[in-house]
N, C-alpha and C. Protein backbone atom coordinates (compact mmCIF):
# COMPACT_ATOMS: atom_id res chain seq x y z
N UNK A 1 96.51 116.09 126.63
CA UNK A 1 97.60 116.90 127.16
C UNK A 1 97.01 117.91 128.14
N UNK A 2 97.67 118.04 129.28
CA UNK A 2 97.21 118.96 130.31
C UNK A 2 97.45 120.41 129.88
N UNK A 3 96.45 121.28 130.02
CA UNK A 3 96.64 122.67 129.61
C UNK A 3 97.62 123.39 130.54
N UNK A 4 98.35 124.32 129.96
CA UNK A 4 99.29 125.13 130.74
C UNK A 4 98.52 126.28 131.35
N UNK A 5 98.67 126.48 132.64
CA UNK A 5 97.99 127.56 133.35
C UNK A 5 99.01 128.55 133.89
N UNK A 6 98.68 129.83 133.78
CA UNK A 6 99.53 130.88 134.34
C UNK A 6 98.72 131.74 135.30
N UNK A 7 97.93 131.09 136.14
CA UNK A 7 97.05 131.81 137.06
C UNK A 7 97.81 132.52 138.17
N UNK A 8 98.97 132.03 138.51
CA UNK A 8 99.67 132.54 139.68
C UNK A 8 100.60 133.71 139.42
N UNK A 9 100.42 134.45 138.36
CA UNK A 9 101.32 135.59 138.09
C UNK A 9 100.98 136.74 139.03
N UNK A 10 102.01 137.41 139.51
CA UNK A 10 101.82 138.56 140.39
C UNK A 10 101.44 139.79 139.57
N UNK A 11 100.99 140.81 140.27
CA UNK A 11 100.64 142.06 139.61
C UNK A 11 101.87 142.68 138.94
N UNK A 12 103.05 142.53 139.56
CA UNK A 12 104.29 143.07 138.99
C UNK A 12 104.63 142.36 137.68
N UNK A 13 104.45 141.03 137.67
CA UNK A 13 104.74 140.27 136.45
C UNK A 13 103.78 140.67 135.33
N UNK A 14 102.51 140.83 135.65
CA UNK A 14 101.53 141.25 134.64
C UNK A 14 101.84 142.66 134.13
N UNK A 15 102.26 143.54 135.02
CA UNK A 15 102.61 144.90 134.62
C UNK A 15 103.86 144.89 133.73
N UNK A 16 104.83 144.05 134.07
CA UNK A 16 106.04 143.92 133.26
C UNK A 16 105.70 143.41 131.86
N UNK A 17 104.81 142.44 131.77
CA UNK A 17 104.37 141.92 130.48
C UNK A 17 103.63 142.99 129.69
N UNK A 18 102.74 143.72 130.36
CA UNK A 18 101.98 144.77 129.69
C UNK A 18 102.90 145.86 129.15
N UNK A 19 103.89 146.24 129.94
CA UNK A 19 104.85 147.26 129.50
C UNK A 19 105.66 146.77 128.29
N UNK A 20 106.09 145.51 128.36
CA UNK A 20 106.84 144.94 127.24
C UNK A 20 105.97 144.91 125.98
N UNK A 21 104.71 144.56 126.15
CA UNK A 21 103.80 144.49 125.01
C UNK A 21 103.63 145.86 124.34
N UNK A 22 103.55 146.91 125.14
CA UNK A 22 103.29 148.25 124.60
C UNK A 22 104.55 148.99 124.15
N UNK A 23 105.73 148.57 124.59
CA UNK A 23 106.93 149.33 124.26
C UNK A 23 107.85 148.66 123.25
N UNK A 24 107.73 147.36 123.04
CA UNK A 24 108.66 146.69 122.14
C UNK A 24 108.37 147.03 120.68
N UNK A 25 109.43 147.07 119.89
CA UNK A 25 109.30 147.27 118.45
C UNK A 25 109.44 145.95 117.71
N UNK A 26 109.71 144.89 118.44
CA UNK A 26 109.89 143.57 117.86
C UNK A 26 108.53 142.87 117.81
N UNK A 27 108.00 142.65 116.62
CA UNK A 27 106.68 142.06 116.46
C UNK A 27 106.62 140.64 117.00
N UNK A 28 107.71 139.90 116.85
CA UNK A 28 107.73 138.51 117.34
C UNK A 28 107.62 138.48 118.87
N UNK A 29 108.36 139.36 119.54
CA UNK A 29 108.29 139.42 121.00
C UNK A 29 106.90 139.87 121.44
N UNK A 30 106.31 140.84 120.74
CA UNK A 30 104.98 141.32 121.10
C UNK A 30 103.96 140.18 121.01
N UNK A 31 104.05 139.36 119.98
CA UNK A 31 103.12 138.24 119.83
C UNK A 31 103.30 137.24 120.97
N UNK A 32 104.53 136.97 121.35
CA UNK A 32 104.79 136.02 122.44
C UNK A 32 104.27 136.55 123.77
N UNK A 33 104.48 137.85 124.00
CA UNK A 33 103.96 138.45 125.23
C UNK A 33 102.44 138.40 125.22
N UNK A 34 101.85 138.63 124.06
CA UNK A 34 100.40 138.56 123.93
C UNK A 34 99.89 137.16 124.28
N UNK A 35 100.62 136.13 123.85
CA UNK A 35 100.23 134.75 124.18
C UNK A 35 100.19 134.56 125.70
N UNK A 36 101.22 135.03 126.38
CA UNK A 36 101.29 134.88 127.83
C UNK A 36 100.17 135.67 128.50
N UNK A 37 99.92 136.88 128.04
CA UNK A 37 98.87 137.71 128.62
C UNK A 37 97.49 137.07 128.43
N UNK A 38 97.24 136.51 127.27
CA UNK A 38 95.95 135.85 127.03
C UNK A 38 95.76 134.66 127.95
N UNK A 39 96.82 133.93 128.20
CA UNK A 39 96.75 132.78 129.09
C UNK A 39 96.58 133.22 130.54
N UNK A 40 97.33 134.24 130.95
CA UNK A 40 97.33 134.66 132.36
C UNK A 40 96.08 135.47 132.71
N UNK A 41 95.70 136.40 131.87
CA UNK A 41 94.60 137.30 132.22
C UNK A 41 93.23 136.72 131.89
N UNK A 42 93.12 136.03 130.76
CA UNK A 42 91.81 135.55 130.33
C UNK A 42 91.63 134.05 130.53
N UNK A 43 92.68 133.38 130.96
CA UNK A 43 92.57 131.95 131.24
C UNK A 43 92.40 131.09 130.00
N UNK A 44 92.82 131.59 128.83
CA UNK A 44 92.68 130.81 127.60
C UNK A 44 93.72 129.70 127.55
N UNK A 45 93.41 128.63 126.86
CA UNK A 45 94.35 127.52 126.68
C UNK A 45 95.05 127.69 125.34
N UNK A 46 96.08 126.88 125.13
CA UNK A 46 96.93 127.03 123.94
C UNK A 46 96.14 126.96 122.64
N UNK A 47 95.16 126.09 122.54
CA UNK A 47 94.38 125.95 121.31
C UNK A 47 93.61 127.23 121.00
N UNK A 48 93.05 127.86 122.02
CA UNK A 48 92.30 129.11 121.82
C UNK A 48 93.23 130.27 121.48
N UNK A 49 94.37 130.32 122.13
CA UNK A 49 95.35 131.38 121.86
C UNK A 49 95.90 131.24 120.45
N UNK A 50 96.15 130.01 120.02
CA UNK A 50 96.71 129.76 118.68
C UNK A 50 95.82 130.34 117.60
N UNK A 51 94.51 130.22 117.77
CA UNK A 51 93.58 130.77 116.79
C UNK A 51 93.67 132.30 116.76
N UNK A 52 93.78 132.91 117.93
CA UNK A 52 93.81 134.38 118.01
C UNK A 52 95.09 134.98 117.45
N UNK A 53 96.23 134.35 117.70
CA UNK A 53 97.51 134.93 117.28
C UNK A 53 98.03 134.32 115.98
N UNK A 54 97.23 133.41 115.39
CA UNK A 54 97.58 132.79 114.10
C UNK A 54 98.91 132.06 114.16
N UNK A 55 99.09 131.30 115.22
CA UNK A 55 100.27 130.47 115.39
C UNK A 55 99.82 129.04 115.60
N UNK A 56 100.73 128.12 115.50
CA UNK A 56 100.44 126.72 115.75
C UNK A 56 100.28 126.50 117.26
N UNK A 57 99.43 125.56 117.62
CA UNK A 57 99.17 125.27 119.03
C UNK A 57 100.45 124.85 119.76
N UNK A 58 101.29 124.05 119.11
CA UNK A 58 102.55 123.63 119.73
C UNK A 58 103.48 124.82 119.96
N UNK A 59 103.45 125.76 119.05
CA UNK A 59 104.27 126.98 119.21
C UNK A 59 103.82 127.75 120.44
N UNK A 60 102.51 127.89 120.61
CA UNK A 60 101.99 128.61 121.78
C UNK A 60 102.42 127.90 123.06
N UNK A 61 102.28 126.56 123.09
CA UNK A 61 102.69 125.81 124.27
C UNK A 61 104.18 126.02 124.58
N UNK A 62 105.00 125.99 123.53
CA UNK A 62 106.44 126.15 123.72
C UNK A 62 106.75 127.50 124.37
N UNK A 63 106.11 128.59 123.90
CA UNK A 63 106.40 129.91 124.46
C UNK A 63 105.83 130.06 125.86
N UNK A 64 104.70 129.42 126.15
CA UNK A 64 104.16 129.48 127.51
C UNK A 64 105.08 128.74 128.48
N UNK A 65 105.58 127.57 128.06
CA UNK A 65 106.53 126.83 128.91
C UNK A 65 107.82 127.62 129.10
N UNK A 66 108.25 128.23 128.04
CA UNK A 66 109.49 129.00 128.13
C UNK A 66 109.32 130.18 129.09
N UNK A 67 108.14 130.81 129.06
CA UNK A 67 107.89 131.91 130.00
C UNK A 67 107.88 131.38 131.43
N UNK A 68 107.27 130.22 131.64
CA UNK A 68 107.25 129.63 132.98
C UNK A 68 108.67 129.35 133.49
N UNK A 69 109.53 128.92 132.59
CA UNK A 69 110.89 128.54 132.98
C UNK A 69 111.82 129.74 133.14
N UNK A 70 111.72 130.72 132.23
CA UNK A 70 112.71 131.80 132.18
C UNK A 70 112.15 133.19 132.40
N UNK A 71 110.85 133.34 132.44
CA UNK A 71 110.26 134.67 132.60
C UNK A 71 110.28 135.43 131.28
N UNK A 72 110.20 136.75 131.39
CA UNK A 72 110.13 137.60 130.20
C UNK A 72 111.36 137.46 129.31
N UNK A 73 112.53 137.25 129.91
CA UNK A 73 113.77 137.08 129.11
C UNK A 73 113.66 135.89 128.17
N UNK A 74 112.91 134.86 128.56
CA UNK A 74 112.78 133.66 127.75
C UNK A 74 111.97 133.86 126.49
N UNK A 75 111.24 134.96 126.39
CA UNK A 75 110.43 135.21 125.20
C UNK A 75 111.22 135.85 124.07
N UNK A 76 112.39 136.36 124.36
CA UNK A 76 113.23 136.99 123.32
C UNK A 76 113.91 135.92 122.48
N UNK A 77 114.25 136.29 121.25
CA UNK A 77 114.98 135.37 120.38
C UNK A 77 116.37 135.14 120.92
N UNK A 78 116.84 133.92 120.79
CA UNK A 78 118.22 133.60 121.18
C UNK A 78 119.15 134.16 120.11
N UNK A 79 120.38 134.48 120.46
CA UNK A 79 121.33 134.96 119.44
C UNK A 79 121.51 133.92 118.35
N UNK A 80 121.59 134.38 117.14
CA UNK A 80 121.74 133.47 116.01
C UNK A 80 123.17 133.50 115.51
N UNK A 81 123.64 132.36 115.02
CA UNK A 81 125.01 132.33 114.52
C UNK A 81 125.11 133.09 113.20
N UNK A 82 126.30 133.44 112.87
CA UNK A 82 126.54 134.14 111.61
C UNK A 82 127.76 135.03 111.74
N UNK A 83 128.16 135.56 110.64
CA UNK A 83 129.33 136.43 110.65
C UNK A 83 128.99 137.73 111.37
N UNK A 84 129.94 138.27 112.11
CA UNK A 84 129.69 139.56 112.75
C UNK A 84 129.60 140.65 111.68
N UNK A 85 128.89 141.73 111.97
CA UNK A 85 128.76 142.79 110.96
C UNK A 85 130.12 143.40 110.64
N UNK A 86 130.33 143.70 109.36
CA UNK A 86 131.59 144.31 108.95
C UNK A 86 131.63 145.79 109.31
N UNK A 87 130.49 146.43 109.33
CA UNK A 87 130.43 147.86 109.55
C UNK A 87 130.43 148.15 111.04
N UNK A 88 131.46 148.85 111.48
CA UNK A 88 131.55 149.22 112.89
C UNK A 88 130.99 150.63 113.07
N UNK A 89 130.66 151.00 114.29
CA UNK A 89 130.19 152.38 114.52
C UNK A 89 131.23 153.42 114.08
N UNK A 90 132.51 153.11 114.23
CA UNK A 90 133.56 154.05 113.82
C UNK A 90 133.55 154.22 112.29
N UNK A 91 133.34 153.12 111.56
CA UNK A 91 133.27 153.21 110.10
C UNK A 91 132.07 154.05 109.68
N UNK A 92 130.94 153.82 110.35
CA UNK A 92 129.72 154.56 110.04
C UNK A 92 129.93 156.06 110.26
N UNK A 93 130.56 156.40 111.37
CA UNK A 93 130.82 157.81 111.67
C UNK A 93 131.78 158.42 110.66
N UNK A 94 132.79 157.66 110.26
CA UNK A 94 133.75 158.17 109.27
C UNK A 94 133.06 158.42 107.94
N UNK A 95 132.19 157.51 107.52
CA UNK A 95 131.46 157.70 106.26
C UNK A 95 130.60 158.96 106.33
N UNK A 96 129.88 159.15 107.41
CA UNK A 96 129.03 160.34 107.53
C UNK A 96 129.85 161.62 107.61
N UNK A 97 131.04 161.53 108.20
CA UNK A 97 131.92 162.71 108.27
C UNK A 97 132.48 163.03 106.88
N UNK A 98 132.88 161.99 106.13
CA UNK A 98 133.47 162.20 104.80
C UNK A 98 132.44 162.76 103.83
N UNK A 99 131.21 162.26 103.87
CA UNK A 99 130.21 162.70 102.90
C UNK A 99 129.83 164.17 103.12
N UNK A 100 130.06 164.68 104.32
CA UNK A 100 129.78 166.10 104.59
C UNK A 100 130.88 167.02 104.07
N UNK A 101 132.01 166.45 103.66
CA UNK A 101 133.12 167.27 103.16
C UNK A 101 133.10 167.27 101.63
N UNK A 102 133.68 168.29 101.07
CA UNK A 102 133.80 168.36 99.61
C UNK A 102 134.93 167.43 99.17
N UNK A 103 134.71 166.70 98.10
CA UNK A 103 135.75 165.76 97.64
C UNK A 103 137.08 166.45 97.34
N UNK A 104 137.04 167.64 96.78
CA UNK A 104 138.29 168.33 96.44
C UNK A 104 139.09 168.69 97.69
N UNK A 105 138.41 168.92 98.81
CA UNK A 105 139.14 169.23 100.05
C UNK A 105 139.89 167.99 100.57
N UNK A 106 139.49 166.81 100.09
CA UNK A 106 140.18 165.57 100.43
C UNK A 106 141.11 165.13 99.30
N UNK A 107 141.43 166.09 98.42
CA UNK A 107 142.34 165.88 97.29
C UNK A 107 141.83 164.81 96.32
N UNK A 108 140.55 164.85 96.05
CA UNK A 108 139.93 163.97 95.05
C UNK A 108 139.76 164.76 93.77
N UNK A 109 139.83 164.12 92.59
CA UNK A 109 139.75 164.85 91.33
C UNK A 109 138.31 165.07 90.85
N UNK A 110 137.35 165.11 91.72
CA UNK A 110 135.97 165.34 91.32
C UNK A 110 135.29 166.24 92.35
N UNK A 111 134.13 166.75 91.97
CA UNK A 111 133.45 167.72 92.83
C UNK A 111 132.28 167.16 93.62
N UNK A 112 131.75 166.02 93.20
CA UNK A 112 130.56 165.45 93.85
C UNK A 112 130.81 164.02 94.29
N UNK A 113 130.20 163.65 95.42
CA UNK A 113 130.29 162.28 95.89
C UNK A 113 129.22 161.43 95.21
N UNK A 114 129.59 160.22 94.86
CA UNK A 114 128.63 159.19 94.48
C UNK A 114 128.87 158.03 95.46
N UNK A 115 127.95 157.08 95.49
CA UNK A 115 128.12 155.94 96.39
C UNK A 115 129.39 155.16 96.04
N UNK A 116 129.66 154.99 94.75
CA UNK A 116 130.86 154.25 94.33
C UNK A 116 132.12 155.00 94.74
N UNK A 117 132.12 156.32 94.59
CA UNK A 117 133.30 157.10 94.97
C UNK A 117 133.51 157.07 96.48
N UNK A 118 132.42 157.13 97.24
CA UNK A 118 132.54 157.02 98.70
C UNK A 118 133.08 155.65 99.10
N UNK A 119 132.58 154.60 98.46
CA UNK A 119 133.05 153.25 98.76
C UNK A 119 134.54 153.12 98.45
N UNK A 120 134.98 153.68 97.30
CA UNK A 120 136.39 153.63 96.93
C UNK A 120 137.25 154.40 97.92
N UNK A 121 136.80 155.62 98.28
CA UNK A 121 137.59 156.44 99.20
C UNK A 121 137.74 155.74 100.55
N UNK A 122 136.64 155.20 101.07
CA UNK A 122 136.71 154.55 102.38
C UNK A 122 137.46 153.23 102.32
N UNK A 123 137.44 152.56 101.17
CA UNK A 123 138.23 151.33 101.03
C UNK A 123 139.72 151.66 101.14
N UNK A 124 140.12 152.78 100.53
CA UNK A 124 141.52 153.21 100.64
C UNK A 124 141.86 153.62 102.07
N UNK A 125 140.92 154.32 102.72
CA UNK A 125 141.19 154.87 104.05
C UNK A 125 141.13 153.80 105.14
N UNK A 126 140.22 152.84 105.01
CA UNK A 126 140.02 151.88 106.10
C UNK A 126 140.40 150.45 105.75
N UNK A 127 140.49 150.15 104.46
CA UNK A 127 140.77 148.77 104.05
C UNK A 127 139.53 147.91 103.97
N UNK A 128 138.36 148.48 104.25
CA UNK A 128 137.10 147.73 104.20
C UNK A 128 136.29 148.21 103.00
N UNK A 129 136.03 147.29 102.07
CA UNK A 129 135.26 147.64 100.88
C UNK A 129 133.81 147.25 101.07
N UNK A 130 132.93 148.23 100.86
CA UNK A 130 131.49 148.00 100.91
C UNK A 130 130.89 148.22 99.53
N UNK A 131 129.72 147.65 99.32
CA UNK A 131 129.02 147.86 98.06
C UNK A 131 128.35 149.23 98.07
N UNK A 132 127.93 149.66 96.89
CA UNK A 132 127.22 150.94 96.80
C UNK A 132 125.93 150.89 97.61
N UNK A 133 125.25 149.74 97.56
CA UNK A 133 124.01 149.59 98.31
C UNK A 133 124.22 149.73 99.81
N UNK A 134 125.32 149.18 100.31
CA UNK A 134 125.63 149.31 101.73
C UNK A 134 125.91 150.77 102.10
N UNK A 135 126.59 151.47 101.22
CA UNK A 135 126.86 152.89 101.46
C UNK A 135 125.54 153.66 101.51
N UNK A 136 124.63 153.38 100.58
CA UNK A 136 123.32 154.03 100.58
C UNK A 136 122.55 153.74 101.87
N UNK A 137 122.60 152.49 102.35
CA UNK A 137 121.87 152.13 103.58
C UNK A 137 122.44 152.87 104.79
N UNK A 138 123.76 153.00 104.87
CA UNK A 138 124.37 153.72 105.99
C UNK A 138 123.98 155.19 105.94
N UNK A 139 124.00 155.77 104.74
CA UNK A 139 123.62 157.17 104.60
C UNK A 139 122.16 157.38 104.98
N UNK A 140 121.30 156.48 104.54
CA UNK A 140 119.89 156.58 104.86
C UNK A 140 119.65 156.47 106.36
N UNK A 141 120.37 155.56 107.02
CA UNK A 141 120.25 155.41 108.48
C UNK A 141 120.74 156.67 109.19
N UNK A 142 121.68 157.40 108.58
CA UNK A 142 122.19 158.65 109.15
C UNK A 142 121.41 159.86 108.69
N UNK A 143 120.22 159.64 108.11
CA UNK A 143 119.36 160.73 107.59
C UNK A 143 120.05 161.57 106.53
N UNK A 144 120.78 160.91 105.66
CA UNK A 144 121.45 161.60 104.57
C UNK A 144 121.14 160.87 103.27
N UNK A 145 121.28 161.57 102.16
CA UNK A 145 121.08 160.95 100.86
C UNK A 145 121.93 161.68 99.84
N UNK A 146 122.36 160.94 98.85
CA UNK A 146 123.08 161.55 97.74
C UNK A 146 122.04 161.92 96.68
N UNK A 147 122.17 163.11 96.16
CA UNK A 147 121.23 163.54 95.12
C UNK A 147 121.97 164.26 94.02
N UNK A 148 121.29 164.42 92.93
CA UNK A 148 121.92 165.13 91.81
C UNK A 148 122.04 166.61 92.13
N UNK A 149 123.08 167.25 91.63
CA UNK A 149 123.25 168.67 91.91
C UNK A 149 122.20 169.50 91.17
N UNK A 150 121.83 170.60 91.77
CA UNK A 150 120.89 171.53 91.14
C UNK A 150 121.72 172.68 90.56
N UNK A 151 121.77 172.76 89.25
CA UNK A 151 122.56 173.80 88.60
C UNK A 151 121.72 175.06 88.44
N UNK A 152 122.32 176.17 88.80
CA UNK A 152 121.64 177.45 88.61
C UNK A 152 122.58 178.38 87.86
N UNK A 153 121.99 179.22 87.07
CA UNK A 153 122.78 180.18 86.29
C UNK A 153 122.50 181.56 86.86
N UNK A 154 123.56 182.26 87.17
CA UNK A 154 123.42 183.62 87.69
C UNK A 154 124.32 184.54 86.89
N UNK A 155 124.14 185.82 87.14
CA UNK A 155 124.93 186.81 86.43
C UNK A 155 125.15 188.01 87.35
N UNK A 156 126.31 188.68 87.21
CA UNK A 156 126.54 189.89 88.01
C UNK A 156 125.75 191.10 87.50
N UNK A 157 125.08 190.96 86.35
CA UNK A 157 124.31 192.05 85.76
C UNK A 157 123.15 192.42 86.69
N UNK A 158 123.02 193.70 87.11
CA UNK A 158 121.94 194.09 88.01
C UNK A 158 120.55 193.89 87.40
N UNK A 159 120.45 193.91 86.07
CA UNK A 159 119.16 193.73 85.41
C UNK A 159 118.92 192.28 84.99
N UNK A 160 119.73 191.37 85.51
CA UNK A 160 119.65 189.96 85.09
C UNK A 160 118.27 189.35 85.37
N UNK A 161 117.71 189.58 86.56
CA UNK A 161 116.42 189.01 86.91
C UNK A 161 115.32 189.51 85.98
N UNK A 162 115.35 190.79 85.64
CA UNK A 162 114.35 191.37 84.74
C UNK A 162 114.47 190.76 83.35
N UNK A 163 115.69 190.65 82.85
CA UNK A 163 115.92 190.07 81.52
C UNK A 163 115.51 188.60 81.48
N UNK A 164 115.78 187.90 82.54
CA UNK A 164 115.44 186.47 82.61
C UNK A 164 113.93 186.28 82.59
N UNK A 165 113.21 187.14 83.33
CA UNK A 165 111.75 187.06 83.34
C UNK A 165 111.19 187.36 81.97
N UNK A 166 111.79 188.31 81.27
CA UNK A 166 111.33 188.66 79.91
C UNK A 166 111.47 187.49 78.96
N UNK A 167 112.56 186.71 79.15
CA UNK A 167 112.77 185.55 78.30
C UNK A 167 111.75 184.44 78.55
N UNK A 168 111.31 184.32 79.81
CA UNK A 168 110.37 183.26 80.16
C UNK A 168 108.94 183.57 79.73
N UNK A 169 108.55 184.85 79.75
CA UNK A 169 107.18 185.19 79.39
C UNK A 169 107.09 185.37 77.87
N UNK A 170 106.04 184.81 77.27
CA UNK A 170 105.90 184.95 75.81
C UNK A 170 105.56 186.38 75.43
N UNK A 171 106.08 186.81 74.32
CA UNK A 171 105.85 188.18 73.84
C UNK A 171 104.45 188.27 73.24
N UNK A 172 103.75 189.34 73.55
CA UNK A 172 102.41 189.57 73.00
C UNK A 172 102.56 190.48 71.78
N UNK A 173 102.03 190.01 70.66
CA UNK A 173 102.14 190.83 69.42
C UNK A 173 100.83 191.12 68.82
């Protein structure tokens, strides 16, 4: 089989590949760009590249041909079939807005949100029911988390702090 050569890449194409390699967060795309760079810059053939990137030789050839045919766009994954996501950006925003409010202000008979209670409330409000795990994932993506309340006991007594400290320290006899 004749080796695939990418000797004729312009400086702009090499720079575009280098930028894609350093900026992408997609590991699969980075590996594919690396395959093209190894072929173009170092003149390696598919068998040598396959050893370096731990891929099959046929896989390397396929991505090199795809780059020749389509350029950098050809290295990205094609859209995959499947159901569209149920969670819309509007739903996500509504969940984050609701969790910031007190349940009683929304006429709920409880004082604290749980994932199940949030799921129930939003199912009533939007008609879309999510699992508790999905609610947790949305909250985590929004830099929020549900946690147990921290109960503190206070008193209007001006000497309360002094008395409390006395209770905590053991008496010396």
